[in-house]
Structures are given as C-alpha cells and as structure tokens.
Amino acid sequence: MIRRLLLVGLGATGLVLAAGQVAAGLGARRVRAALRPTDPTGREVIVVLGYGNDGTELNAVNRWRLDVGLRSRDPRASSSLLVLSGGAVRGAHSEAGLMARHLREHLGFEGEVALETQSRSTWDNMACTVPFLEDADRIVIASDPLHELRAHGMLRTQRPDLAARLAAADNCRPGEQLLRGPWTTVIGLEGLRRARRDGQIRG
C-alpha cells in the first residue's frame, strides 16, 4: 500500500513538473509566433526584468534571469546594452542594483550596462525602459516565457513602434527551471489574465 501511494505521488509530481515544462514551451512558442524578423547586426538592447528581492544578495530567480539576458545576446550585434530593470519592491535595495552588483562581482561582466530603478511592476518596467529602447534595432526582454509574453504585450500597448523590434529571449531550454516551472506557470497565467482585464494587453 505504501509503495503504491509512493508511486502515485511520484507520478503526480512528474505530471506537475512536466506540465510546467509544457506551459513554458507553449509560452515561448507564442512569443516567437508574434515576432517579426529584426536586424541581428544592428544595436541590441536586452532588458532583464527584476523579481522581488528582500535581502542584500541576489535571489535565484534574478540570477537565472540575468543568465537568460546574457545568453540572449547576439554576437553579430554592432553594440549591445544590458538594461537591468526593477526598483526596491520588497527590500531596501533595488532589484536592478542587486543584479548589477552580481553581474560585475560574480559574473565578471564588463559590457555596457544601464540601470532602471524606479519600476514596481511589469507595466512600469516597460514604460521606464523606453528611453533605452529608442535607438535599438533589436529588443529582447529577459524573463520566463509567460512573463516575457506579458511584457511584449504591454510594450505593444505602450509603444507599438518599439514592439516591432522585439526578438525572443533564450529562456526555454529542456529541463531548465524544472522545479520552479509549475509555480511560474500559475503566476504567469494569472499575470496575463490581470493584464488583459486591466487593458494593459490588447487582444
């Protein structure tokens, strides 16, 4: 009996984790389906969306989003700017500032970086980073697929001319974020629902 319950529990856990991976894959596919080709040889801007950080060290979600931002750069770009976006939402330090420190001190990144430290939501992220996007030929939003999808929709609402330059982030690798996948899916779907309800995403 105990063995059977254990097998059922393991099977259910596997299904939940698999569902998270499937949802991430579908989110990434929807992002790519809505995009037009961009100029890979022009100027690119990668916006890394911060996630609530309540301490002085960068949390795991923000560390992963930084990794997504870094690996989403195109080596053919004439110039590349990494914009770290996020205010002090859950603690005394801005998410952007914590990401910048981690980027320099732990990852040794020496490229071009800009900080946006006022935003407190995804809608703010997109509105506050617009000045950094004006001269970009290629724009990437680094986060998980469903959050990326929401951010793309918000930029289309705010600045459709800039949204035409969006390119997909490298954020959907098999097996990655496996344990966090189901949680991110629930949060991501609810975020999309609220954004549509509030008119932040059209269609």
N, C-alpha and C. Protein backbone atom coordinates (compact mmCIF):
# COMPACT_ATOMS: atom_id res chain seq x y z
N MET A 1 0.82 -1.21 0.00
CA MET A 1 0.00 0.00 0.00
C MET A 1 0.86 1.26 0.00
N ILE A 2 1.88 1.26 0.89
CA ILE A 2 2.78 2.43 0.97
C ILE A 2 3.52 2.61 -0.34
N ARG A 3 3.96 1.47 -0.91
CA ARG A 3 4.68 1.55 -2.19
C ARG A 3 3.79 2.11 -3.28
N ARG A 4 2.52 1.68 -3.28
CA ARG A 4 1.59 2.18 -4.29
C ARG A 4 1.36 3.68 -4.15
N LEU A 5 1.18 4.11 -2.89
CA LEU A 5 0.99 5.55 -2.64
C LEU A 5 2.21 6.35 -3.06
N LEU A 6 3.39 5.76 -2.79
CA LEU A 6 4.63 6.44 -3.17
C LEU A 6 4.72 6.58 -4.69
N LEU A 7 4.36 5.51 -5.41
CA LEU A 7 4.41 5.55 -6.87
C LEU A 7 3.41 6.56 -7.43
N VAL A 8 2.21 6.59 -6.83
CA VAL A 8 1.19 7.55 -7.26
C VAL A 8 1.69 8.97 -7.02
N GLY A 9 2.30 9.20 -5.84
CA GLY A 9 2.82 10.53 -5.52
C GLY A 9 3.92 10.95 -6.47
N LEU A 10 4.82 10.02 -6.78
CA LEU A 10 5.89 10.33 -7.73
C LEU A 10 5.34 10.61 -9.12
N GLY A 11 4.34 9.83 -9.50
CA GLY A 11 3.73 10.06 -10.81
C GLY A 11 3.05 11.40 -10.91
N ALA A 12 2.33 11.78 -9.85
CA ALA A 12 1.65 13.07 -9.84
C ALA A 12 2.65 14.21 -9.88
N THR A 13 3.74 14.05 -9.12
CA THR A 13 4.78 15.08 -9.12
C THR A 13 5.39 15.23 -10.51
N GLY A 14 5.64 14.09 -11.15
CA GLY A 14 6.19 14.12 -12.50
C GLY A 14 5.27 14.83 -13.48
N LEU A 15 3.96 14.57 -13.34
CA LEU A 15 2.99 15.22 -14.23
C LEU A 15 2.97 16.73 -14.02
N VAL A 16 3.05 17.16 -12.76
CA VAL A 16 3.04 18.59 -12.46
C VAL A 16 4.29 19.26 -13.05
N LEU A 17 5.45 18.63 -12.85
CA LEU A 17 6.69 19.20 -13.39
C LEU A 17 6.66 19.23 -14.92
N ALA A 18 6.13 18.15 -15.51
CA ALA A 18 6.04 18.11 -16.98
C ALA A 18 5.10 19.19 -17.49
N ALA A 19 4.00 19.43 -16.76
CA ALA A 19 3.06 20.47 -17.17
C ALA A 19 3.72 21.85 -17.16
N GLY A 20 4.59 22.09 -16.17
CA GLY A 20 5.32 23.35 -16.13
C GLY A 20 6.21 23.52 -17.34
N GLN A 21 6.88 22.44 -17.74
CA GLN A 21 7.75 22.50 -18.92
C GLN A 21 6.94 22.73 -20.19
N VAL A 22 5.79 22.07 -20.29
CA VAL A 22 4.93 22.24 -21.47
C VAL A 22 4.42 23.67 -21.55
N ALA A 23 3.99 24.23 -20.41
CA ALA A 23 3.49 25.60 -20.41
C ALA A 23 4.57 26.59 -20.82
N ALA A 24 5.80 26.36 -20.34
CA ALA A 24 6.91 27.24 -20.73
C ALA A 24 7.16 27.15 -22.22
N GLY A 25 7.11 25.93 -22.75
CA GLY A 25 7.33 25.75 -24.18
C GLY A 25 6.25 26.42 -25.02
N LEU A 26 5.00 26.30 -24.59
CA LEU A 26 3.91 26.95 -25.31
C LEU A 26 4.02 28.46 -25.24
N GLY A 27 4.42 28.97 -24.07
CA GLY A 27 4.61 30.42 -23.93
C GLY A 27 5.70 30.93 -24.86
N ALA A 28 6.81 30.20 -24.90
CA ALA A 28 7.91 30.58 -25.79
C ALA A 28 7.48 30.54 -27.26
N ARG A 29 6.68 29.53 -27.60
CA ARG A 29 6.20 29.42 -28.99
C ARG A 29 5.30 30.59 -29.36
N ARG A 30 4.44 31.00 -28.42
CA ARG A 30 3.55 32.14 -28.69
C ARG A 30 4.35 33.43 -28.87
N VAL A 31 5.40 33.59 -28.06
CA VAL A 31 6.27 34.77 -28.20
C VAL A 31 6.85 34.80 -29.59
N ARG A 32 7.43 33.68 -30.03
CA ARG A 32 8.11 33.64 -31.33
C ARG A 32 7.13 33.82 -32.50
N ALA A 33 5.93 33.30 -32.35
CA ALA A 33 4.94 33.39 -33.43
C ALA A 33 4.51 34.83 -33.69
N ALA A 34 4.61 35.69 -32.67
CA ALA A 34 4.15 37.07 -32.82
C ALA A 34 5.24 38.03 -33.28
N LEU A 35 6.46 37.53 -33.45
CA LEU A 35 7.59 38.42 -33.74
C LEU A 35 7.91 38.53 -35.22
N ARG A 36 8.40 39.69 -35.60
CA ARG A 36 8.90 39.91 -36.95
C ARG A 36 10.42 39.77 -36.93
N PRO A 37 11.04 39.52 -38.08
CA PRO A 37 12.50 39.46 -38.11
C PRO A 37 13.11 40.82 -37.73
N THR A 38 14.19 40.78 -36.96
CA THR A 38 14.90 42.01 -36.59
C THR A 38 16.30 41.97 -37.17
N ASP A 39 16.97 43.09 -37.14
CA ASP A 39 18.32 43.20 -37.69
C ASP A 39 19.33 42.69 -36.66
N PRO A 40 19.94 41.51 -36.88
CA PRO A 40 20.88 40.97 -35.89
C PRO A 40 22.22 41.70 -35.87
N THR A 41 22.45 42.54 -36.87
CA THR A 41 23.74 43.22 -36.94
C THR A 41 23.67 44.65 -36.41
N GLY A 42 22.49 45.10 -36.01
CA GLY A 42 22.33 46.46 -35.50
C GLY A 42 22.59 46.55 -34.00
N ARG A 43 22.07 47.60 -33.38
CA ARG A 43 22.22 47.78 -31.94
C ARG A 43 21.14 46.99 -31.22
N GLU A 44 21.54 46.21 -30.22
CA GLU A 44 20.56 45.45 -29.45
C GLU A 44 20.50 45.95 -28.01
N VAL A 45 19.32 45.86 -27.44
CA VAL A 45 19.11 46.18 -26.04
C VAL A 45 18.42 45.00 -25.38
N ILE A 46 19.04 44.46 -24.35
CA ILE A 46 18.48 43.35 -23.60
C ILE A 46 17.97 43.89 -22.27
N VAL A 47 16.67 43.78 -22.02
CA VAL A 47 16.08 44.25 -20.77
C VAL A 47 15.86 43.06 -19.86
N VAL A 48 16.53 43.06 -18.71
CA VAL A 48 16.35 41.99 -17.72
C VAL A 48 15.35 42.47 -16.68
N LEU A 49 14.21 41.78 -16.59
CA LEU A 49 13.16 42.17 -15.66
C LEU A 49 13.46 41.61 -14.27
N GLY A 50 13.52 42.51 -13.28
CA GLY A 50 13.81 42.08 -11.92
C GLY A 50 12.64 41.39 -11.26
N TYR A 51 12.97 40.59 -10.24
CA TYR A 51 11.95 39.90 -9.45
C TYR A 51 12.18 40.26 -7.98
N GLY A 52 11.10 40.42 -7.21
CA GLY A 52 11.17 40.87 -5.83
C GLY A 52 12.31 40.27 -5.02
N ASN A 53 13.18 41.11 -4.49
CA ASN A 53 14.35 40.69 -3.74
C ASN A 53 14.31 41.35 -2.36
N ASP A 54 14.20 40.55 -1.30
CA ASP A 54 14.04 41.15 0.03
C ASP A 54 15.32 41.16 0.87
N GLY A 55 16.43 40.84 0.29
CA GLY A 55 17.69 40.83 1.03
C GLY A 55 18.77 41.64 0.34
N THR A 56 20.00 41.37 0.73
CA THR A 56 21.13 42.08 0.13
C THR A 56 21.85 41.23 -0.92
N GLU A 57 21.44 39.98 -1.05
CA GLU A 57 22.01 39.09 -2.06
C GLU A 57 20.97 38.81 -3.13
N LEU A 58 21.43 38.61 -4.34
CA LEU A 58 20.52 38.37 -5.45
C LEU A 58 19.86 37.00 -5.32
N ASN A 59 18.54 36.95 -5.45
CA ASN A 59 17.86 35.67 -5.32
C ASN A 59 18.00 34.82 -6.59
N ALA A 60 17.56 33.56 -6.48
CA ALA A 60 17.76 32.60 -7.56
C ALA A 60 17.03 32.99 -8.84
N VAL A 61 15.83 33.55 -8.70
CA VAL A 61 15.07 33.95 -9.89
C VAL A 61 15.81 35.03 -10.66
N ASN A 62 16.31 36.03 -9.96
CA ASN A 62 17.04 37.11 -10.63
C ASN A 62 18.36 36.63 -11.21
N ARG A 63 19.01 35.68 -10.53
CA ARG A 63 20.26 35.13 -11.09
C ARG A 63 19.98 34.43 -12.41
N TRP A 64 18.87 33.66 -12.46
CA TRP A 64 18.53 32.96 -13.70
C TRP A 64 18.15 33.96 -14.80
N ARG A 65 17.40 34.99 -14.45
CA ARG A 65 17.02 35.99 -15.46
C ARG A 65 18.25 36.70 -16.02
N LEU A 66 19.24 36.94 -15.18
CA LEU A 66 20.49 37.52 -15.68
C LEU A 66 21.15 36.58 -16.68
N ASP A 67 21.18 35.30 -16.35
CA ASP A 67 21.76 34.32 -17.27
C ASP A 67 21.03 34.33 -18.61
N VAL A 68 19.70 34.40 -18.55
CA VAL A 68 18.91 34.46 -19.79
C VAL A 68 19.28 35.70 -20.59
N GLY A 69 19.42 36.83 -19.92
CA GLY A 69 19.79 38.06 -20.61
C GLY A 69 21.14 37.95 -21.29
N LEU A 70 22.11 37.38 -20.60
CA LEU A 70 23.46 37.28 -21.15
C LEU A 70 23.51 36.33 -22.35
N ARG A 71 22.82 35.20 -22.25
CA ARG A 71 22.90 34.24 -23.35
C ARG A 71 21.97 34.60 -24.51
N SER A 72 21.11 35.61 -24.32
CA SER A 72 20.22 36.06 -25.39
C SER A 72 20.88 37.09 -26.30
N ARG A 73 22.09 37.52 -25.95
CA ARG A 73 22.79 38.49 -26.80
C ARG A 73 23.18 37.83 -28.12
N ASP A 74 23.18 38.62 -29.18
CA ASP A 74 23.58 38.13 -30.49
C ASP A 74 25.00 38.60 -30.78
N PRO A 75 25.94 37.70 -31.02
CA PRO A 75 27.33 38.11 -31.28
C PRO A 75 27.51 38.95 -32.53
N ARG A 76 26.49 38.97 -33.39
CA ARG A 76 26.58 39.76 -34.63
C ARG A 76 26.20 41.22 -34.41
N ALA A 77 25.65 41.55 -33.25
CA ALA A 77 25.18 42.92 -33.00
C ALA A 77 26.33 43.91 -33.02
N SER A 78 26.08 45.09 -33.58
CA SER A 78 27.12 46.13 -33.63
C SER A 78 27.41 46.69 -32.24
N SER A 79 26.41 46.71 -31.38
CA SER A 79 26.58 47.11 -29.99
C SER A 79 25.48 46.47 -29.16
N SER A 80 25.76 46.27 -27.88
CA SER A 80 24.81 45.56 -27.02
C SER A 80 24.73 46.25 -25.66
N LEU A 81 23.53 46.59 -25.25
CA LEU A 81 23.29 47.22 -23.95
C LEU A 81 22.42 46.30 -23.11
N LEU A 82 22.85 46.07 -21.87
CA LEU A 82 22.07 45.29 -20.93
C LEU A 82 21.40 46.26 -19.96
N VAL A 83 20.06 46.30 -19.99
CA VAL A 83 19.31 47.19 -19.10
C VAL A 83 18.72 46.34 -17.97
N LEU A 84 19.08 46.67 -16.73
CA LEU A 84 18.58 45.95 -15.57
C LEU A 84 17.45 46.77 -14.98
N SER A 85 16.26 46.18 -14.90
CA SER A 85 15.07 46.96 -14.55
C SER A 85 14.38 46.40 -13.31
N GLY A 86 14.21 47.26 -12.30
CA GLY A 86 13.49 46.86 -11.09
C GLY A 86 13.83 47.75 -9.92
N GLY A 87 12.81 48.27 -9.26
CA GLY A 87 13.02 49.12 -8.09
C GLY A 87 13.13 48.32 -6.80
N ALA A 88 13.10 49.02 -5.69
CA ALA A 88 13.16 48.39 -4.36
C ALA A 88 11.75 47.99 -3.95
N VAL A 89 11.26 46.89 -4.47
CA VAL A 89 9.87 46.49 -4.27
C VAL A 89 9.68 45.76 -2.93
N ARG A 90 10.60 44.87 -2.59
CA ARG A 90 10.44 44.07 -1.38
C ARG A 90 11.51 44.33 -0.33
N GLY A 91 12.45 45.18 -0.62
CA GLY A 91 13.52 45.43 0.34
C GLY A 91 14.08 46.83 0.17
N ALA A 92 15.20 47.09 0.84
CA ALA A 92 15.79 48.42 0.80
C ALA A 92 16.62 48.66 -0.45
N HIS A 93 16.97 47.59 -1.14
CA HIS A 93 17.83 47.71 -2.32
C HIS A 93 17.04 47.42 -3.59
N SER A 94 17.30 48.18 -4.63
CA SER A 94 16.60 47.96 -5.89
C SER A 94 17.03 46.63 -6.51
N GLU A 95 16.09 46.00 -7.20
CA GLU A 95 16.41 44.76 -7.90
C GLU A 95 17.49 45.02 -8.94
N ALA A 96 17.40 46.15 -9.64
CA ALA A 96 18.40 46.49 -10.66
C ALA A 96 19.79 46.62 -10.04
N GLY A 97 19.88 47.26 -8.89
CA GLY A 97 21.17 47.44 -8.23
C GLY A 97 21.77 46.13 -7.79
N LEU A 98 20.95 45.24 -7.25
CA LEU A 98 21.44 43.93 -6.82
C LEU A 98 21.90 43.11 -8.02
N MET A 99 21.16 43.20 -9.13
CA MET A 99 21.58 42.48 -10.33
C MET A 99 22.89 43.03 -10.87
N ALA A 100 23.05 44.35 -10.83
CA ALA A 100 24.27 44.97 -11.34
C ALA A 100 25.48 44.52 -10.53
N ARG A 101 25.33 44.48 -9.21
CA ARG A 101 26.45 44.06 -8.36
C ARG A 101 26.83 42.61 -8.64
N HIS A 102 25.81 41.75 -8.76
CA HIS A 102 26.07 40.34 -9.06
C HIS A 102 26.74 40.18 -10.43
N LEU A 103 26.28 40.96 -11.37
CA LEU A 103 26.81 40.91 -12.73
C LEU A 103 28.30 41.23 -12.76
N ARG A 104 28.68 42.25 -12.02
CA ARG A 104 30.08 42.68 -12.01
C ARG A 104 30.95 41.80 -11.11
N GLU A 105 30.48 41.58 -9.87
CA GLU A 105 31.32 40.92 -8.88
C GLU A 105 31.39 39.40 -9.04
N HIS A 106 30.30 38.78 -9.47
CA HIS A 106 30.26 37.33 -9.54
C HIS A 106 30.37 36.78 -10.97
N LEU A 107 29.87 37.53 -11.94
CA LEU A 107 29.92 37.05 -13.32
C LEU A 107 31.02 37.72 -14.13
N GLY A 108 31.63 38.76 -13.58
CA GLY A 108 32.74 39.43 -14.27
C GLY A 108 32.35 40.10 -15.56
N PHE A 109 31.09 40.50 -15.70
CA PHE A 109 30.63 41.12 -16.94
C PHE A 109 31.21 42.51 -17.09
N GLU A 110 31.75 42.83 -18.26
CA GLU A 110 32.38 44.13 -18.49
C GLU A 110 31.72 44.90 -19.62
N GLY A 111 30.57 44.44 -20.08
CA GLY A 111 29.89 45.11 -21.18
C GLY A 111 29.12 46.33 -20.73
N GLU A 112 28.37 46.90 -21.66
CA GLU A 112 27.60 48.12 -21.40
C GLU A 112 26.34 47.79 -20.59
N VAL A 113 26.15 48.49 -19.47
CA VAL A 113 25.02 48.23 -18.57
C VAL A 113 24.35 49.54 -18.20
N ALA A 114 23.02 49.51 -18.10
CA ALA A 114 22.25 50.66 -17.60
C ALA A 114 21.26 50.14 -16.57
N LEU A 115 20.94 50.97 -15.58
CA LEU A 115 20.02 50.58 -14.52
C LEU A 115 18.75 51.42 -14.57
N GLU A 116 17.63 50.76 -14.37
CA GLU A 116 16.33 51.42 -14.22
C GLU A 116 15.81 51.00 -12.85
N THR A 117 15.74 51.93 -11.91
CA THR A 117 15.49 51.58 -10.50
C THR A 117 14.16 52.09 -9.94
N GLN A 118 13.26 52.55 -10.79
CA GLN A 118 12.01 53.12 -10.31
C GLN A 118 10.81 52.19 -10.45
N SER A 119 10.85 51.23 -11.33
CA SER A 119 9.67 50.41 -11.62
C SER A 119 9.30 49.49 -10.47
N ARG A 120 7.99 49.26 -10.34
CA ARG A 120 7.47 48.39 -9.29
C ARG A 120 6.53 47.31 -9.85
N SER A 121 6.43 47.24 -11.16
CA SER A 121 5.57 46.25 -11.81
C SER A 121 6.09 46.04 -13.23
N THR A 122 5.55 45.02 -13.91
CA THR A 122 5.96 44.77 -15.30
C THR A 122 5.56 45.93 -16.20
N TRP A 123 4.39 46.50 -15.96
CA TRP A 123 3.96 47.67 -16.73
C TRP A 123 4.96 48.80 -16.57
N ASP A 124 5.40 49.04 -15.34
CA ASP A 124 6.42 50.07 -15.08
C ASP A 124 7.73 49.72 -15.77
N ASN A 125 8.12 48.43 -15.70
CA ASN A 125 9.36 48.00 -16.35
C ASN A 125 9.42 48.48 -17.80
N MET A 126 8.32 48.22 -18.51
CA MET A 126 8.31 48.56 -19.92
C MET A 126 8.27 50.08 -20.13
N ALA A 127 7.44 50.77 -19.35
CA ALA A 127 7.34 52.22 -19.52
C ALA A 127 8.65 52.92 -19.17
N CYS A 128 9.31 52.47 -18.11
CA CYS A 128 10.52 53.15 -17.64
C CYS A 128 11.76 52.82 -18.47
N THR A 129 11.73 51.73 -19.22
CA THR A 129 12.90 51.39 -20.04
C THR A 129 12.81 51.93 -21.46
N VAL A 130 11.68 52.54 -21.81
CA VAL A 130 11.50 53.07 -23.17
C VAL A 130 12.66 53.96 -23.62
N PRO A 131 13.17 54.89 -22.77
CA PRO A 131 14.28 55.73 -23.23
C PRO A 131 15.50 54.95 -23.70
N PHE A 132 15.71 53.76 -23.14
CA PHE A 132 16.86 52.93 -23.54
C PHE A 132 16.60 52.18 -24.84
N LEU A 133 15.33 52.10 -25.24
CA LEU A 133 14.95 51.29 -26.40
C LEU A 133 14.84 52.08 -27.69
N GLU A 134 14.79 53.39 -27.58
CA GLU A 134 14.50 54.24 -28.75
C GLU A 134 15.43 53.98 -29.93
N ASP A 135 16.73 53.77 -29.66
CA ASP A 135 17.68 53.62 -30.78
C ASP A 135 18.05 52.16 -31.03
N ALA A 136 17.27 51.23 -30.46
CA ALA A 136 17.58 49.81 -30.63
C ALA A 136 17.01 49.26 -31.93
N ASP A 137 17.77 48.38 -32.58
CA ASP A 137 17.28 47.65 -33.75
C ASP A 137 16.71 46.30 -33.34
N ARG A 138 17.16 45.83 -32.20
CA ARG A 138 16.72 44.52 -31.68
C ARG A 138 16.52 44.65 -30.18
N ILE A 139 15.33 44.26 -29.69
CA ILE A 139 14.98 44.38 -28.27
C ILE A 139 14.61 43.00 -27.74
N VAL A 140 15.24 42.62 -26.65
CA VAL A 140 14.96 41.33 -26.01
C VAL A 140 14.53 41.59 -24.57
N ILE A 141 13.48 40.92 -24.12
CA ILE A 141 13.02 41.01 -22.74
C ILE A 141 13.36 39.69 -22.06
N ALA A 142 14.26 39.73 -21.08
CA ALA A 142 14.74 38.51 -20.42
C ALA A 142 13.93 38.21 -19.17
N SER A 143 13.18 37.12 -19.23
CA SER A 143 12.43 36.60 -18.10
C SER A 143 11.95 35.22 -18.50
N ASP A 144 11.06 34.61 -17.70
CA ASP A 144 10.49 33.33 -18.11
C ASP A 144 9.50 33.55 -19.25
N PRO A 145 9.17 32.51 -20.02
CA PRO A 145 8.37 32.70 -21.24
C PRO A 145 7.03 33.39 -21.04
N LEU A 146 6.26 33.04 -20.01
CA LEU A 146 4.95 33.66 -19.83
C LEU A 146 5.08 35.12 -19.39
N HIS A 147 6.08 35.42 -18.59
CA HIS A 147 6.33 36.81 -18.20
C HIS A 147 6.81 37.62 -19.39
N GLU A 148 7.66 37.01 -20.21
CA GLU A 148 8.13 37.66 -21.44
C GLU A 148 6.93 37.97 -22.35
N LEU A 149 6.01 37.02 -22.47
CA LEU A 149 4.82 37.21 -23.29
C LEU A 149 4.00 38.40 -22.80
N ARG A 150 3.85 38.51 -21.48
CA ARG A 150 3.10 39.63 -20.90
C ARG A 150 3.82 40.96 -21.16
N ALA A 151 5.13 40.97 -20.96
CA ALA A 151 5.90 42.20 -21.19
C ALA A 151 5.83 42.64 -22.65
N HIS A 152 5.89 41.69 -23.58
CA HIS A 152 5.77 42.02 -25.00
C HIS A 152 4.41 42.67 -25.28
N GLY A 153 3.35 42.07 -24.71
CA GLY A 153 2.02 42.64 -24.91
C GLY A 153 1.90 44.05 -24.37
N MET A 154 2.52 44.29 -23.24
CA MET A 154 2.47 45.63 -22.64
C MET A 154 3.23 46.65 -23.48
N LEU A 155 4.38 46.23 -24.02
CA LEU A 155 5.13 47.16 -24.87
C LEU A 155 4.35 47.44 -26.16
N ARG A 156 3.63 46.45 -26.67
CA ARG A 156 2.80 46.69 -27.86
C ARG A 156 1.70 47.70 -27.57
N THR A 157 1.18 47.67 -26.34
CA THR A 157 0.15 48.64 -25.96
C THR A 157 0.75 50.04 -25.79
N GLN A 158 1.90 50.12 -25.15
CA GLN A 158 2.52 51.41 -24.85
C GLN A 158 3.21 52.02 -26.08
N ARG A 159 4.00 51.20 -26.77
CA ARG A 159 4.79 51.69 -27.90
C ARG A 159 4.86 50.64 -28.99
N PRO A 160 3.82 50.55 -29.83
CA PRO A 160 3.83 49.53 -30.88
C PRO A 160 5.00 49.67 -31.85
N ASP A 161 5.51 50.89 -32.02
CA ASP A 161 6.65 51.06 -32.92
C ASP A 161 7.89 50.36 -32.38
N LEU A 162 8.08 50.40 -31.07
CA LEU A 162 9.23 49.72 -30.47
C LEU A 162 8.99 48.21 -30.41
N ALA A 163 7.75 47.81 -30.17
CA ALA A 163 7.43 46.38 -30.09
C ALA A 163 7.72 45.67 -31.40
N ALA A 164 7.71 46.40 -32.51
CA ALA A 164 8.02 45.80 -33.80
C ALA A 164 9.47 45.34 -33.88
N ARG A 165 10.30 45.77 -32.92
CA ARG A 165 11.72 45.40 -32.93
C ARG A 165 12.04 44.29 -31.93
N LEU A 166 11.01 43.70 -31.33
CA LEU A 166 11.22 42.65 -30.33
C LEU A 166 11.77 41.36 -30.94
N ALA A 167 12.67 40.73 -30.19
CA ALA A 167 13.18 39.41 -30.55
C ALA A 167 13.04 38.51 -29.32
N ALA A 168 13.04 37.21 -29.54
CA ALA A 168 12.80 36.27 -28.44
C ALA A 168 14.03 36.09 -27.57
N ALA A 169 13.79 35.90 -26.27
CA ALA A 169 14.86 35.57 -25.34
C ALA A 169 15.16 34.08 -25.40
N ASP A 170 16.36 33.72 -25.01
CA ASP A 170 16.76 32.31 -24.94
C ASP A 170 16.40 31.81 -23.53
N ASN A 171 15.12 31.51 -23.32
CA ASN A 171 14.63 31.24 -21.98
C ASN A 171 13.88 29.93 -21.83
N CYS A 172 14.02 29.04 -22.80
CA CYS A 172 13.24 27.80 -22.74
C CYS A 172 14.11 26.60 -23.15
N ARG A 173 15.00 26.21 -22.26
CA ARG A 173 15.86 25.07 -22.52
C ARG A 173 15.31 23.85 -21.78
N PRO A 174 15.30 22.67 -22.41
CA PRO A 174 14.71 21.48 -21.80
C PRO A 174 15.28 21.19 -20.42
N GLY A 175 14.39 20.97 -19.46
CA GLY A 175 14.82 20.62 -18.11
C GLY A 175 15.20 21.78 -17.23
N GLU A 176 15.33 22.97 -17.81
CA GLU A 176 15.73 24.13 -17.02
C GLU A 176 14.55 24.65 -16.22
N GLN A 177 14.82 25.12 -15.02
CA GLN A 177 13.79 25.65 -14.13
C GLN A 177 12.69 24.62 -13.88
N LEU A 178 13.09 23.36 -13.80
CA LEU A 178 12.11 22.26 -13.70
C LEU A 178 11.26 22.37 -12.44
N LEU A 179 11.89 22.58 -11.30
CA LEU A 179 11.14 22.63 -10.04
C LEU A 179 10.32 23.91 -9.91
N ARG A 180 10.82 24.98 -10.51
CA ARG A 180 10.11 26.25 -10.42
C ARG A 180 9.02 26.39 -11.48
N GLY A 181 9.03 25.51 -12.47
CA GLY A 181 8.13 25.63 -13.61
C GLY A 181 6.65 25.72 -13.28
N PRO A 182 6.11 24.80 -12.46
CA PRO A 182 4.68 24.87 -12.15
C PRO A 182 4.28 26.17 -11.47
N TRP A 183 5.11 26.62 -10.55
CA TRP A 183 4.82 27.88 -9.83
C TRP A 183 4.85 29.06 -10.79
N THR A 184 5.89 29.09 -11.66
CA THR A 184 5.97 30.20 -12.64
C THR A 184 4.80 30.18 -13.61
N THR A 185 4.32 29.00 -13.94
CA THR A 185 3.17 28.89 -14.84
C THR A 185 1.91 29.49 -14.21
N VAL A 186 1.65 29.14 -12.96
CA VAL A 186 0.48 29.69 -12.27
C VAL A 186 0.57 31.21 -12.18
N ILE A 187 1.72 31.71 -11.75
CA ILE A 187 1.92 33.16 -11.63
C ILE A 187 1.80 33.83 -13.00
N GLY A 188 2.40 33.19 -14.02
CA GLY A 188 2.40 33.76 -15.36
C GLY A 188 1.02 33.85 -15.97
N LEU A 189 0.23 32.80 -15.82
CA LEU A 189 -1.13 32.81 -16.38
C LEU A 189 -2.01 33.83 -15.66
N GLU A 190 -1.86 33.93 -14.35
CA GLU A 190 -2.63 34.92 -13.61
C GLU A 190 -2.22 36.34 -14.00
N GLY A 191 -0.92 36.55 -14.21
CA GLY A 191 -0.45 37.87 -14.65
C GLY A 191 -1.01 38.25 -16.00
N LEU A 192 -1.08 37.29 -16.93
CA LEU A 192 -1.67 37.55 -18.24
C LEU A 192 -3.16 37.88 -18.12
N ARG A 193 -3.86 37.14 -17.26
CA ARG A 193 -5.30 37.39 -17.07
C ARG A 193 -5.54 38.81 -16.56
N ARG A 194 -4.76 39.21 -15.55
CA ARG A 194 -4.95 40.55 -14.97
C ARG A 194 -4.58 41.64 -15.97
N ALA A 195 -3.51 41.40 -16.73
CA ALA A 195 -3.09 42.42 -17.71
C ALA A 195 -4.16 42.63 -18.77
N ARG A 196 -4.80 41.54 -19.21
CA ARG A 196 -5.89 41.67 -20.19
C ARG A 196 -7.10 42.37 -19.56
N ARG A 197 -7.42 41.99 -18.34
CA ARG A 197 -8.55 42.60 -17.63
C ARG A 197 -8.36 44.12 -17.48
N ASP A 198 -7.13 44.52 -17.20
CA ASP A 198 -6.84 45.95 -16.97
C ASP A 198 -6.54 46.72 -18.24
N GLY A 199 -6.62 46.07 -19.40
CA GLY A 199 -6.38 46.76 -20.66
C GLY A 199 -4.92 47.01 -20.96
N GLN A 200 -4.03 46.35 -20.23
CA GLN A 200 -2.60 46.54 -20.48
C GLN A 200 -2.11 45.72 -21.66
N ILE A 201 -2.87 44.67 -21.97
CA ILE A 201 -2.60 43.86 -23.16
C ILE A 201 -3.87 43.83 -23.98
N ARG A 202 -3.73 44.07 -25.26
CA ARG A 202 -4.90 44.08 -26.14
C ARG A 202 -4.92 42.83 -27.00
N GLY A 203 -6.09 42.23 -27.06
CA GLY A 203 -6.20 41.03 -27.88
C GLY A 203 -5.88 39.75 -27.14
